[in-house]
Amino acid sequence: MNKTQLIDKIAKENDLTKKQVAQTVDAMIAAIEESLVAGESVQFLGFGTFAVKEIAAHNGRNPRTGEVVEIAASRRATFSASKALKDKLN
């Protein structure tokens, strides 16, 4: 399911316009993004948690040449499914 399909489904199931739902989804994504950039996690009970993971600088290897390259430290967004979601999936 992509963003457009999600908006269509929510609009249809809740008698809302696609424009209203699109604005809400965009605001939700922006709020999650803002929290992650600030280093905060976002938790949805019964669904999961979005968090920021710090990746330390490390050495990698160029697969073509075998040359060792330095990979800079970075931050990544991660998602951990809740137990309830995992149970539904299994």
C-alpha atoms as a PDB file:
ATOM      1  CA  MET A   1       0.000   0.000   0.000  1.00  0.00           C
ATOM      2  CA  ASN A   2       1.364   3.423  -0.869  1.00  0.00           C
ATOM      3  CA  LYS A   3       0.444   6.837   0.549  1.00  0.00           C
ATOM      4  CA  THR A   4      -2.275   7.513  -2.043  1.00  0.00           C
ATOM      5  CA  GLN A   5      -3.922   4.155  -1.405  1.00  0.00           C
ATOM      6  CA  LEU A   6      -3.793   4.767   2.351  1.00  0.00           C
ATOM      7  CA  ILE A   7      -5.454   8.168   1.926  1.00  0.00           C
ATOM      8  CA  ASP A   8      -8.164   6.670  -0.310  1.00  0.00           C
ATOM      9  CA  LYS A   9      -8.886   3.881   2.187  1.00  0.00           C
ATOM     10  CA  ILE A  10      -9.097   6.199   5.214  1.00  0.00           C
ATOM     11  CA  ALA A  11     -11.278   8.715   3.332  1.00  0.00           C
ATOM     12  CA  LYS A  12     -13.684   6.007   2.167  1.00  0.00           C
ATOM     13  CA  GLU A  13     -13.976   4.301   5.567  1.00  0.00           C
ATOM     14  CA  ASN A  14     -14.540   7.545   7.510  1.00  0.00           C
ATOM     15  CA  ASP A  15     -16.667   9.671   5.131  1.00  0.00           C
ATOM     16  CA  LEU A  16     -13.946  12.301   4.827  1.00  0.00           C
ATOM     17  CA  THR A  17     -12.594  14.053   1.771  1.00  0.00           C
ATOM     18  CA  LYS A  18      -9.298  12.895   0.341  1.00  0.00           C
ATOM     19  CA  LYS A  19      -7.964  16.427   0.828  1.00  0.00           C
ATOM     20  CA  GLN A  20      -8.750  16.347   4.572  1.00  0.00           C
ATOM     21  CA  VAL A  21      -7.113  12.957   4.988  1.00  0.00           C
ATOM     22  CA  ALA A  22      -4.075  13.951   2.897  1.00  0.00           C
ATOM     23  CA  GLN A  23      -3.521  17.031   5.081  1.00  0.00           C
ATOM     24  CA  THR A  24      -3.802  14.906   8.217  1.00  0.00           C
ATOM     25  CA  VAL A  25      -1.421  12.234   6.928  1.00  0.00           C
ATOM     26  CA  ASP A  26       1.086  14.880   5.823  1.00  0.00           C
ATOM     27  CA  ALA A  27       0.865  16.564   9.254  1.00  0.00           C
ATOM     28  CA  MET A  28       1.387  13.221  10.991  1.00  0.00           C
ATOM     29  CA  ILE A  29       4.436  12.397   8.865  1.00  0.00           C
ATOM     30  CA  ALA A  30       5.864  15.878   9.473  1.00  0.00           C
ATOM     31  CA  ALA A  31       5.376  15.534  13.251  1.00  0.00           C
ATOM     32  CA  ILE A  32       7.095  12.128  13.305  1.00  0.00           C
ATOM     33  CA  GLU A  33       9.930  13.494  11.159  1.00  0.00           C
ATOM     34  CA  GLU A  34      10.340  16.516  13.447  1.00  0.00           C
ATOM     35  CA  SER A  35      10.553  14.322  16.545  1.00  0.00           C
ATOM     36  CA  LEU A  36      13.100  11.988  14.958  1.00  0.00           C
ATOM     37  CA  VAL A  37      15.290  14.892  13.818  1.00  0.00           C
ATOM     38  CA  ALA A  38      15.216  16.165  17.427  1.00  0.00           C
ATOM     39  CA  GLY A  39      16.392  12.721  18.572  1.00  0.00           C
ATOM     40  CA  GLU A  40      13.081  11.770  20.190  1.00  0.00           C
ATOM     41  CA  SER A  41      11.238   8.502  19.660  1.00  0.00           C
ATOM     42  CA  VAL A  42       7.583   8.275  18.623  1.00  0.00           C
ATOM     43  CA  GLN A  43       5.521   5.470  20.132  1.00  0.00           C
ATOM     44  CA  PHE A  44       2.119   4.228  18.975  1.00  0.00           C
ATOM     45  CA  LEU A  45       0.774   1.798  21.571  1.00  0.00           C
ATOM     46  CA  GLY A  46      -0.278  -1.447  19.941  1.00  0.00           C
ATOM     47  CA  PHE A  47       1.584  -0.593  16.724  1.00  0.00           C
ATOM     48  CA  GLY A  48       5.255   0.198  17.326  1.00  0.00           C
ATOM     49  CA  THR A  49       7.975   2.738  17.918  1.00  0.00           C
ATOM     50  CA  PHE A  50       9.933   4.953  15.553  1.00  0.00           C
ATOM     51  CA  ALA A  51      13.353   5.821  16.981  1.00  0.00           C
ATOM     52  CA  VAL A  52      16.748   7.194  15.977  1.00  0.00           C
ATOM     53  CA  LYS A  53      19.729   4.859  16.032  1.00  0.00           C
ATOM     54  CA  GLU A  54      23.261   6.223  16.173  1.00  0.00           C
ATOM     55  CA  ILE A  55      25.660   4.355  13.880  1.00  0.00           C
ATOM     56  CA  ALA A  56      29.343   4.747  14.800  1.00  0.00           C
ATOM     57  CA  ALA A  57      32.001   5.403  12.174  1.00  0.00           C
ATOM     58  CA  HIS A  58      33.437   2.146  10.889  1.00  0.00           C
ATOM     59  CA  ASN A  59      35.495   0.639   8.106  1.00  0.00           C
ATOM     60  CA  GLY A  60      33.851  -0.968   5.101  1.00  0.00           C
ATOM     61  CA  ARG A  61      35.189  -2.586   1.997  1.00  0.00           C
ATOM     62  CA  ASN A  62      34.582  -1.666  -1.629  1.00  0.00           C
ATOM     63  CA  PRO A  63      33.319  -4.963  -3.099  1.00  0.00           C
ATOM     64  CA  ARG A  64      34.706  -4.197  -6.553  1.00  0.00           C
ATOM     65  CA  THR A  65      38.258  -3.278  -5.567  1.00  0.00           C
ATOM     66  CA  GLY A  66      38.559  -4.711  -2.059  1.00  0.00           C
ATOM     67  CA  GLU A  67      39.811  -1.317  -0.887  1.00  0.00           C
ATOM     68  CA  VAL A  68      39.055  -0.419   2.748  1.00  0.00           C
ATOM     69  CA  VAL A  69      36.952   2.741   3.032  1.00  0.00           C
ATOM     70  CA  GLU A  70      35.960   4.794   6.069  1.00  0.00           C
ATOM     71  CA  ILE A  71      32.201   5.000   6.582  1.00  0.00           C
ATOM     72  CA  ALA A  72      31.203   8.113   8.523  1.00  0.00           C
ATOM     73  CA  ALA A  73      29.044   8.036  11.633  1.00  0.00           C
ATOM     74  CA  SER A  74      25.359   8.586  10.923  1.00  0.00           C
ATOM     75  CA  ARG A  75      21.878   8.536  12.407  1.00  0.00           C
ATOM     76  CA  ARG A  76      19.151   6.259  11.077  1.00  0.00           C
ATOM     77  CA  ALA A  77      15.431   6.049  11.643  1.00  0.00           C
ATOM     78  CA  THR A  78      14.298   2.638  12.853  1.00  0.00           C
ATOM     79  CA  PHE A  79      10.926   1.039  13.493  1.00  0.00           C
ATOM     80  CA  SER A  80      10.245  -1.642  16.072  1.00  0.00           C
ATOM     81  CA  ALA A  81       6.891  -3.393  15.898  1.00  0.00           C
ATOM     82  CA  SER A  82       4.965  -3.780  19.153  1.00  0.00           C
ATOM     83  CA  LYS A  83       4.210  -7.189  20.595  1.00  0.00           C
ATOM     84  CA  ALA A  84       0.546  -6.754  19.637  1.00  0.00           C
ATOM     85  CA  LEU A  85       1.459  -6.123  15.982  1.00  0.00           C
ATOM     86  CA  LYS A  86       3.919  -9.031  15.953  1.00  0.00           C
ATOM     87  CA  ASP A  87       1.201 -11.297  17.361  1.00  0.00           C
ATOM     88  CA  LYS A  88      -1.243 -10.198  14.627  1.00  0.00           C
ATOM     89  CA  LEU A  89       1.343 -10.913  11.950  1.00  0.00           C
ATOM     90  CA  ASN A  90       2.084 -14.376  13.265  1.00  0.00           C
END
